[in-house]
C-alpha atoms as a PDB file:
ATOM      1  CA  MET A   1     -23.887  62.997 -53.517  1.00  0.00           C
ATOM      2  CA  SER A   2     -21.307  63.852 -50.753  1.00  0.00           C
ATOM      3  CA  CYS A   3     -17.816  64.461 -50.134  1.00  0.00           C
ATOM      4  CA  ASP A   4     -16.326  61.406 -48.766  1.00  0.00           C
ATOM      5  CA  ILE A   5     -13.671  61.896 -45.640  1.00  0.00           C
ATOM      6  CA  THR A   6     -11.204  58.275 -44.998  1.00  0.00           C
ATOM      7  CA  GLU A   7      -9.967  59.304 -41.449  1.00  0.00           C
ATOM      8  CA  ARG A   8      -7.423  57.992 -39.595  1.00  0.00           C
ATOM      9  CA  PRO A   9      -7.995  58.170 -35.289  1.00  0.00           C
ATOM     10  CA  LEU A  10      -6.258  60.926 -33.788  1.00  0.00           C
ATOM     11  CA  SER A  11      -4.206  58.536 -31.653  1.00  0.00           C
ATOM     12  CA  ASP A  12      -1.782  58.108 -35.370  1.00  0.00           C
ATOM     13  CA  ILE A  13      -0.368  61.909 -33.745  1.00  0.00           C
ATOM     14  CA  VAL A  14       1.082  60.208 -30.524  1.00  0.00           C
ATOM     15  CA  PRO A  15       4.244  58.375 -32.159  1.00  0.00           C
ATOM     16  CA  TYR A  16       5.266  61.966 -33.565  1.00  0.00           C
ATOM     17  CA  ILE A  17       4.386  64.208 -30.387  1.00  0.00           C
ATOM     18  CA  GLN A  18       5.399  62.197 -27.414  1.00  0.00           C
ATOM     19  CA  PRO A  19       8.656  61.385 -27.912  1.00  0.00           C
ATOM     20  CA  ASN A  20       9.600  64.865 -27.825  1.00  0.00           C
ATOM     21  CA  CYS A  21       7.269  65.365 -24.134  1.00  0.00           C
ATOM     22  CA  MET A  22       7.479  62.375 -22.183  1.00  0.00           C
ATOM     23  CA  ALA A  23       5.414  62.895 -19.561  1.00  0.00           C
ATOM     24  CA  LEU A  24       2.108  64.562 -21.799  1.00  0.00           C
ATOM     25  CA  PRO A  25      -0.512  61.830 -21.296  1.00  0.00           C
ATOM     26  CA  GLU A  26      -1.528  60.034 -24.362  1.00  0.00           C
ATOM     27  CA  GLU A  27      -5.178  62.358 -24.145  1.00  0.00           C
ATOM     28  CA  MET A  28      -3.438  65.611 -24.442  1.00  0.00           C
ATOM     29  CA  VAL A  29      -1.049  64.467 -27.349  1.00  0.00           C
ATOM     30  CA  LYS A  30      -4.028  64.226 -29.386  1.00  0.00           C
ATOM     31  CA  ASP A  31      -6.342  67.179 -28.687  1.00  0.00           C
ATOM     32  CA  TYR A  32      -3.214  69.273 -29.132  1.00  0.00           C
ATOM     33  CA  GLY A  33      -2.321  67.549 -32.241  1.00  0.00           C
ATOM     34  CA  ARG A  34      -6.158  67.876 -33.414  1.00  0.00           C
ATOM     35  CA  ARG A  35      -5.872  71.881 -32.679  1.00  0.00           C
ATOM     36  CA  ALA A  36      -2.543  71.595 -34.612  1.00  0.00           C
ATOM     37  CA  TYR A  37      -4.498  70.144 -38.115  1.00  0.00           C
ATOM     38  CA  VAL A  38      -7.588  72.583 -37.420  1.00  0.00           C
ATOM     39  CA  GLU A  39      -4.738  75.166 -38.053  1.00  0.00           C
ATOM     40  CA  PHE A  40      -3.327  73.913 -40.168  1.00  0.00           C
ATOM     41  CA  ALA A  41      -6.140  72.827 -42.963  1.00  0.00           C
ATOM     42  CA  ARG A  42      -7.824  76.429 -42.261  1.00  0.00           C
ATOM     43  CA  ARG A  43      -4.651  78.529 -42.757  1.00  0.00           C
ATOM     44  CA  SER A  44      -3.406  76.977 -45.576  1.00  0.00           C
ATOM     45  CA  GLY A  45      -6.617  75.775 -47.197  1.00  0.00           C
ATOM     46  CA  GLY A  46      -4.088  72.547 -48.861  1.00  0.00           C
ATOM     47  CA  LEU A  47      -7.679  70.325 -47.468  1.00  0.00           C
ATOM     48  CA  THR A  48      -9.572  70.260 -50.946  1.00  0.00           C
ATOM     49  CA  ARG A  49     -12.753  67.943 -51.816  1.00  0.00           C
ATOM     50  CA  THR A  50     -14.913  67.745 -54.951  1.00  0.00           C
ATOM     51  CA  LEU A  51     -18.359  67.722 -54.338  1.00  0.00           C
ATOM     52  CA  VAL A  52     -20.342  66.093 -57.425  1.00  0.00           C
ATOM     53  CA  TYR A  53     -24.285  66.387 -57.790  1.00  0.00           C
ATOM     54  CA  ASP A  54     -26.704  65.520 -60.872  1.00  0.00           C
ATOM     55  CA  LEU A  55     -28.012  68.501 -62.367  1.00  0.00           C
ATOM     56  CA  GLN A  56     -32.114  68.069 -62.471  1.00  0.00           C
ATOM     57  CA  GLU A  57     -34.450  69.956 -65.035  1.00  0.00           C
ATOM     58  CA  GLY A  58     -36.337  72.295 -63.313  1.00  0.00           C
ATOM     59  CA  VAL A  59     -34.038  72.605 -60.449  1.00  0.00           C
ATOM     60  CA  LEU A  60     -32.463  75.582 -58.429  1.00  0.00           C
ATOM     61  CA  ASP A  61     -31.101  74.265 -55.230  1.00  0.00           C
ATOM     62  CA  TYR A  62     -28.721  71.954 -55.016  1.00  0.00           C
ATOM     63  CA  PRO A  63     -27.784  71.723 -50.922  1.00  0.00           C
ATOM     64  CA  LEU A  64     -23.983  71.227 -49.829  1.00  0.00           C
ATOM     65  CA  GLU A  65     -23.497  67.971 -48.138  1.00  0.00           C
ATOM     66  CA  LEU A  66     -20.613  67.708 -46.057  1.00  0.00           C
ATOM     67  CA  PRO A  67     -18.753  65.063 -44.214  1.00  0.00           C
ATOM     68  CA  ASN A  68     -19.240  65.076 -39.992  1.00  0.00           C
ATOM     69  CA  GLY A  69     -16.666  67.462 -38.686  1.00  0.00           C
ATOM     70  CA  TYR A  70     -15.794  69.615 -41.289  1.00  0.00           C
ATOM     71  CA  GLU A  71     -16.870  73.452 -42.607  1.00  0.00           C
ATOM     72  CA  ILE A  72     -16.408  74.822 -45.918  1.00  0.00           C
ATOM     73  CA  ASN A  73     -13.094  77.621 -45.655  1.00  0.00           C
ATOM     74  CA  ARG A  74     -13.573  78.638 -49.637  1.00  0.00           C
ATOM     75  CA  VAL A  75     -14.954  77.741 -52.557  1.00  0.00           C
ATOM     76  CA  ASN A  76     -12.333  77.266 -55.149  1.00  0.00           C
ATOM     77  CA  TRP A  77     -13.987  76.257 -58.245  1.00  0.00           C
ATOM     78  CA  VAL A  78     -17.566  75.412 -59.389  1.00  0.00           C
ATOM     79  CA  SER A  79     -18.532  73.607 -63.427  1.00  0.00           C
ATOM     80  CA  ILE A  80     -22.239  73.160 -64.128  1.00  0.00           C
ATOM     81  CA  GLU A  81     -22.951  71.213 -67.382  1.00  0.00           C
ATOM     82  CA  LYS A  82     -19.640  70.709 -68.177  1.00  0.00           C
ATOM     83  CA  TRP A  83     -18.780  74.344 -69.130  1.00  0.00           C
ATOM     84  CA  GLY A  84     -15.563  74.523 -67.606  1.00  0.00           C
ATOM     85  CA  ARG A  85     -13.952  75.372 -64.005  1.00  0.00           C
ATOM     86  CA  VAL A  86     -15.023  79.157 -63.475  1.00  0.00           C
ATOM     87  CA  VAL A  87     -14.033  80.598 -60.251  1.00  0.00           C
ATOM     88  CA  PRO A  88     -16.253  82.354 -58.251  1.00  0.00           C
ATOM     89  CA  THR A  89     -15.834  85.665 -56.593  1.00  0.00           C
ATOM     90  CA  PHE A  90     -16.538  86.599 -52.941  1.00  0.00           C
ATOM     91  CA  ASP A  91     -19.112  89.397 -52.774  1.00  0.00           C
ATOM     92  CA  HIS A  92     -18.341  91.227 -49.355  1.00  0.00           C
ATOM     93  CA  ASP A  93     -21.020  94.045 -49.988  1.00  0.00           C
ATOM     94  CA  ASN A  94     -23.859  92.303 -52.588  1.00  0.00           C
ATOM     95  CA  GLU A  95     -21.952  94.625 -55.353  1.00  0.00           C
ATOM     96  CA  SER A  96     -22.705  92.268 -58.070  1.00  0.00           C
ATOM     97  CA  CYS A  97     -26.236  91.623 -57.637  1.00  0.00           C
ATOM     98  CA  SER A  98     -27.124  94.996 -58.579  1.00  0.00           C
ATOM     99  CA  GLY A  99     -27.191  94.731 -62.654  1.00  0.00           C
ATOM    100  CA  TYR A 100     -29.425  91.496 -62.069  1.00  0.00           C
ATOM    101  CA  ASN A 101     -32.290  93.080 -59.537  1.00  0.00           C
ATOM    102  CA  SER A 102     -33.759  94.772 -61.829  1.00  0.00           C
ATOM    103  CA  ASN A 103     -33.406  93.032 -65.117  1.00  0.00           C
ATOM    104  CA  GLN A 104     -36.586  90.428 -64.614  1.00  0.00           C
ATOM    105  CA  ASN A 105     -36.358  89.011 -68.285  1.00  0.00           C
ATOM    106  CA  LEU A 106     -32.699  87.813 -67.877  1.00  0.00           C
ATOM    107  CA  TYR A 107     -33.794  85.030 -65.073  1.00  0.00           C
ATOM    108  CA  GLN A 108     -37.531  84.415 -66.320  1.00  0.00           C
ATOM    109  CA  ASN A 109     -37.019  81.151 -65.675  1.00  0.00           C
ATOM    110  CA  TYR A 110     -36.356  81.503 -62.151  1.00  0.00           C
ATOM    111  CA  SER A 111     -39.010  80.491 -59.650  1.00  0.00           C
ATOM    112  CA  GLY A 112     -37.925  81.457 -56.078  1.00  0.00           C
ATOM    113  CA  GLY A 113     -36.013  78.464 -54.879  1.00  0.00           C
ATOM    114  CA  ALA A 114     -34.093  79.347 -51.620  1.00  0.00           C
ATOM    115  CA  MET A 115     -34.305  82.812 -52.322  1.00  0.00           C
ATOM    116  CA  ASN A 116     -38.135  83.285 -51.615  1.00  0.00           C
ATOM    117  CA  GLY A 117     -38.767  84.707 -55.150  1.00  0.00           C
ATOM    118  CA  SER A 118     -35.758  87.365 -54.653  1.00  0.00           C
ATOM    119  CA  TYR A 119     -33.772  87.614 -57.745  1.00  0.00           C
ATOM    120  CA  GLY A 120     -30.786  89.129 -55.491  1.00  0.00           C
ATOM    121  CA  TYR A 121     -28.440  88.030 -52.681  1.00  0.00           C
ATOM    122  CA  GLY A 122     -27.256  89.097 -49.364  1.00  0.00           C
ATOM    123  CA  PRO A 123     -24.175  89.890 -48.435  1.00  0.00           C
ATOM    124  CA  ASN A 124     -20.906  87.478 -47.880  1.00  0.00           C
ATOM    125  CA  SER A 125     -21.721  84.999 -51.037  1.00  0.00           C
ATOM    126  CA  TRP A 126     -19.700  83.398 -53.536  1.00  0.00           C
ATOM    127  CA  VAL A 127     -21.025  84.169 -56.934  1.00  0.00           C
ATOM    128  CA  GLY A 128     -20.266  83.429 -60.615  1.00  0.00           C
ATOM    129  CA  THR A 129     -21.569  82.402 -64.318  1.00  0.00           C
ATOM    130  CA  CYS A 130     -20.814  79.223 -65.575  1.00  0.00           C
ATOM    131  CA  GLY A 131     -21.813  78.739 -68.990  1.00  0.00           C
ATOM    132  CA  ARG A 132     -25.699  79.647 -69.293  1.00  0.00           C
ATOM    133  CA  TYR A 133     -25.948  79.457 -65.612  1.00  0.00           C
ATOM    134  CA  ARG A 134     -25.900  82.365 -63.430  1.00  0.00           C
ATOM    135  CA  PHE A 135     -25.134  81.085 -59.432  1.00  0.00           C
ATOM    136  CA  HIS A 136     -24.748  82.217 -56.064  1.00  0.00           C
ATOM    137  CA  MET A 137     -23.574  80.048 -52.528  1.00  0.00           C
ATOM    138  CA  GLN A 138     -24.707  82.223 -49.657  1.00  0.00           C
ATOM    139  CA  GLY A 139     -23.544  80.379 -46.167  1.00  0.00           C
ATOM    140  CA  TYR A 140     -21.469  77.370 -47.740  1.00  0.00           C
ATOM    141  CA  ASN A 141     -25.064  75.953 -47.178  1.00  0.00           C
ATOM    142  CA  CYS A 142     -26.567  75.743 -51.075  1.00  0.00           C
ATOM    143  CA  LEU A 143     -25.438  76.264 -54.495  1.00  0.00           C
ATOM    144  CA  ILE A 144     -28.783  78.298 -55.880  1.00  0.00           C
ATOM    145  CA  LEU A 145     -29.158  78.529 -59.834  1.00  0.00           C
ATOM    146  CA  HIS A 146     -30.890  81.863 -61.090  1.00  0.00           C
ATOM    147  CA  ASN A 147     -32.168  79.879 -63.954  1.00  0.00           C
ATOM    148  CA  ALA A 148     -33.197  76.460 -64.316  1.00  0.00           C
ATOM    149  CA  PRO A 149     -31.810  73.619 -65.670  1.00  0.00           C
ATOM    150  CA  VAL A 150     -33.767  72.584 -68.830  1.00  0.00           C
ATOM    151  CA  HIS A 151     -32.564  68.859 -69.158  1.00  0.00           C
ATOM    152  CA  ASP A 152     -30.554  66.771 -66.346  1.00  0.00           C
ATOM    153  CA  CYS A 153     -27.090  65.529 -66.410  1.00  0.00           C
ATOM    154  CA  VAL A 154     -25.541  63.072 -64.364  1.00  0.00           C
ATOM    155  CA  ASN A 155     -23.068  64.491 -62.605  1.00  0.00           C
ATOM    156  CA  GLY A 156     -23.336  67.930 -63.669  1.00  0.00           C
ATOM    157  CA  ILE A 157     -22.444  70.343 -60.487  1.00  0.00           C
ATOM    158  CA  CYS A 158     -18.598  69.855 -59.610  1.00  0.00           C
ATOM    159  CA  ILE A 159     -17.733  72.049 -56.529  1.00  0.00           C
ATOM    160  CA  GLU A 160     -14.251  71.295 -54.873  1.00  0.00           C
ATOM    161  CA  VAL A 161     -14.198  73.559 -51.742  1.00  0.00           C
ATOM    162  CA  SER A 162     -11.220  74.060 -48.594  1.00  0.00           C
ATOM    163  CA  LEU A 163     -12.304  72.524 -45.881  1.00  0.00           C
ATOM    164  CA  ILE A 164     -11.468  73.510 -42.145  1.00  0.00           C
ATOM    165  CA  PRO A 165     -11.880  70.564 -39.150  1.00  0.00           C
ATOM    166  CA  THR A 166     -14.055  71.850 -36.599  1.00  0.00           C
ATOM    167  CA  GLN A 167     -12.918  71.170 -32.963  1.00  0.00           C
ATOM    168  CA  GLY A 168     -15.281  68.217 -32.815  1.00  0.00           C
ATOM    169  CA  VAL A 169     -13.668  66.090 -35.282  1.00  0.00           C
ATOM    170  CA  CYS A 170     -12.726  62.551 -34.259  1.00  0.00           C
ATOM    171  CA  GLY A 171      -9.926  61.763 -36.687  1.00  0.00           C
ATOM    172  CA  PHE A 172      -7.136  63.015 -39.438  1.00  0.00           C
ATOM    173  CA  ASP A 173      -8.045  63.228 -43.126  1.00  0.00           C
ATOM    174  CA  SER A 174      -5.801  60.397 -44.541  1.00  0.00           C
ATOM    175  CA  ASP A 175      -4.392  62.005 -47.462  1.00  0.00           C
ATOM    176  CA  PHE A 176      -3.881  64.984 -45.354  1.00  0.00           C
ATOM    177  CA  PHE A 177      -1.923  63.614 -42.491  1.00  0.00           C
ATOM    178  CA  ASP A 178       0.564  61.568 -44.452  1.00  0.00           C
ATOM    179  CA  ARG A 179       1.446  64.279 -46.709  1.00  0.00           C
ATOM    180  CA  TRP A 180       1.759  67.106 -43.782  1.00  0.00           C
ATOM    181  CA  VAL A 181       2.180  65.060 -40.590  1.00  0.00           C
ATOM    182  CA  GLU A 182       5.190  67.033 -39.917  1.00  0.00           C
ATOM    183  CA  GLY A 183       3.873  70.391 -39.782  1.00  0.00           C
ATOM    184  CA  ILE A 184       1.230  69.130 -37.768  1.00  0.00           C
ATOM    185  CA  THR A 185       3.241  67.035 -35.229  1.00  0.00           C
ATOM    186  CA  TYR A 186       5.442  71.044 -35.098  1.00  0.00           C
ATOM    187  CA  GLY A 187       2.137  73.068 -34.113  1.00  0.00           C
ATOM    188  CA  ALA A 188       0.849  70.651 -31.453  1.00  0.00           C
ATOM    189  CA  LEU A 189       4.735  70.637 -30.099  1.00  0.00           C
ATOM    190  CA  ALA A 190       4.737  74.327 -29.894  1.00  0.00           C
ATOM    191  CA  LYS A 191       1.086  74.457 -27.875  1.00  0.00           C
ATOM    192  CA  ALA A 192       2.267  71.822 -25.707  1.00  0.00           C
ATOM    193  CA  MET A 193       5.417  73.108 -24.537  1.00  0.00           C
ATOM    194  CA  LEU A 194       3.991  76.573 -23.729  1.00  0.00           C
ATOM    195  CA  LEU A 195       2.232  74.935 -20.767  1.00  0.00           C
ATOM    196  CA  THR A 196       3.422  76.280 -17.857  1.00  0.00           C
ATOM    197  CA  ASN A 197       4.103  74.222 -14.685  1.00  0.00           C
ATOM    198  CA  THR A 198       4.810  71.179 -16.395  1.00  0.00           C
ATOM    199  CA  ASP A 199       7.810  68.702 -16.793  1.00  0.00           C
ATOM    200  CA  TRP A 200       8.012  69.519 -20.746  1.00  0.00           C
ATOM    201  CA  TYR A 201       7.639  73.667 -20.278  1.00  0.00           C
ATOM    202  CA  ASN A 202      10.264  74.835 -22.945  1.00  0.00           C
ATOM    203  CA  PRO A 203       9.783  78.285 -24.096  1.00  0.00           C
ATOM    204  CA  ASP A 204      12.354  78.044 -26.729  1.00  0.00           C
ATOM    205  CA  MET A 205      11.818  75.264 -28.308  1.00  0.00           C
ATOM    206  CA  ALA A 206       7.897  76.104 -28.321  1.00  0.00           C
ATOM    207  CA  GLN A 207       9.380  79.120 -30.815  1.00  0.00           C
ATOM    208  CA  MET A 208      11.401  77.103 -33.052  1.00  0.00           C
ATOM    209  CA  TYR A 209       8.727  74.732 -33.386  1.00  0.00           C
ATOM    210  CA  ASN A 210       6.331  77.476 -34.001  1.00  0.00           C
ATOM    211  CA  LYS A 211       8.246  78.568 -36.865  1.00  0.00           C
ATOM    212  CA  LYS A 212       8.692  75.359 -38.379  1.00  0.00           C
ATOM    213  CA  PHE A 213       4.669  75.183 -37.916  1.00  0.00           C
ATOM    214  CA  GLY A 214       4.394  78.576 -40.130  1.00  0.00           C
ATOM    215  CA  ILE A 215       7.075  77.355 -42.553  1.00  0.00           C
ATOM    216  CA  GLU A 216       5.340  73.946 -42.925  1.00  0.00           C
ATOM    217  CA  ILE A 217       2.262  75.758 -43.809  1.00  0.00           C
ATOM    218  CA  GLN A 218       3.315  78.071 -46.225  1.00  0.00           C
ATOM    219  CA  ARG A 219       4.759  75.038 -48.369  1.00  0.00           C
ATOM    220  CA  ALA A 220       1.492  74.043 -48.407  1.00  0.00           C
ATOM    221  CA  ARG A 221      -0.013  76.788 -48.895  1.00  0.00           C
ATOM    222  CA  HIS A 222       2.488  77.353 -51.817  1.00  0.00           C
ATOM    223  CA  LYS A 223       1.282  74.204 -53.547  1.00  0.00           C
ATOM    224  CA  PHE A 224      -1.966  74.783 -53.278  1.00  0.00           C
ATOM    225  CA  ASP A 225      -1.903  78.594 -54.958  1.00  0.00           C
ATOM    226  CA  LEU A 226       0.035  76.708 -57.767  1.00  0.00           C
ATOM    227  CA  ASN A 227      -2.581  74.765 -58.302  1.00  0.00           C
ATOM    228  CA  TYR A 228      -5.104  77.725 -59.208  1.00  0.00           C
ATOM    229  CA  SER A 229      -2.648  80.291 -60.727  1.00  0.00           C
ATOM    230  CA  ARG A 230      -4.372  81.931 -63.850  1.00  0.00           C
ATOM    231  CA  GLY A 231      -0.980  83.312 -65.771  1.00  0.00           C
ATOM    232  CA  PRO A 232       2.730  83.044 -65.535  1.00  0.00           C
ATOM    233  CA  MET A 233       4.296  82.840 -62.130  1.00  0.00           C
ATOM    234  CA  ARG A 234       7.839  84.933 -62.232  1.00  0.00           C
ATOM    235  CA  MET A 235      10.890  83.877 -59.708  1.00  0.00           C
ATOM    236  CA  GLN A 236      13.615  85.782 -59.117  1.00  0.00           C
ATOM    237  CA  ALA A 237      16.819  84.327 -57.792  1.00  0.00           C
ATOM    238  CA  LYS A 238      17.884  86.021 -54.323  1.00  0.00           C
ATOM    239  CA  ARG A 239      20.884  88.699 -54.573  1.00  0.00           C
ATOM    240  CA  PHE A 240      24.020  87.772 -52.654  1.00  0.00           C
ATOM    241  CA  VAL A 241      26.164  90.849 -52.168  1.00  0.00           C
END
C-alpha cells in the first residue's frame, strides 16, 4: 500500500510571491516556489508519511512505494506486527551486522530475499529490531526482514518516513503547504531577489527573506523533533543582565 499525496498546483504560490516581485513572470514564480518547497522539506524533515503494508507469511522483502516526485529523506520509525514503534539506526559503516554474520542459527529461516543468501548488508543502511523481527533498509527501496513471518498480519508493517520532493515535482503537498506557505514564500523571494539585471533585484531584501526562511525551517524542525524526543526536554529562560 503506497502513501498518498494530496497536491495543490504550483500556481497556488503565485499570490504569495508576485505582489513582492510584480514583474516576475508567473512561470519563474512557480519555479522559485518549487525550489523553496524542496529545500524547506529537505532541511526541516517535516513532510512525513506513513507507509502501511500487509505482513505476509514467508515473505521477507517489502518494496517501498512512494508517490511520483518524492524520495525518502529519513526513516523515523518502524512498527512490525504491532510490537510498538522502533526508531532504526543509520549504519554508515556496516558495524551493526558484524555480530549477525557468524550466527547462522539466529536467522535460520532467512532464505535470501534481496540479499541473495547473505546475512549482512551494505553500508549506509537503516537497521533495527522490532519484537522478534530484525530488519534493514538499504537505498530506501525495500524493507528486508531477516527472519520470515510465520503468519499473515493485515497492516502488519508501518513505516513513517520524511519525504523530499524532487526537482521535478508538479505540486505542493496540501497539508504541508497550508502549514508552511509563509516559509516557502520567504525562500522563493530570497532566491528571486538575487537575480541581477532585473527590476526586482534587491540583495538587502533577499538577505532579510533568507533569514526569515531559516527561522521558519527551524520552527518546522523544532515541531518535528518534539514528536520524537525520547525523554524530558529542559528549557532555560534567557538571562538579562
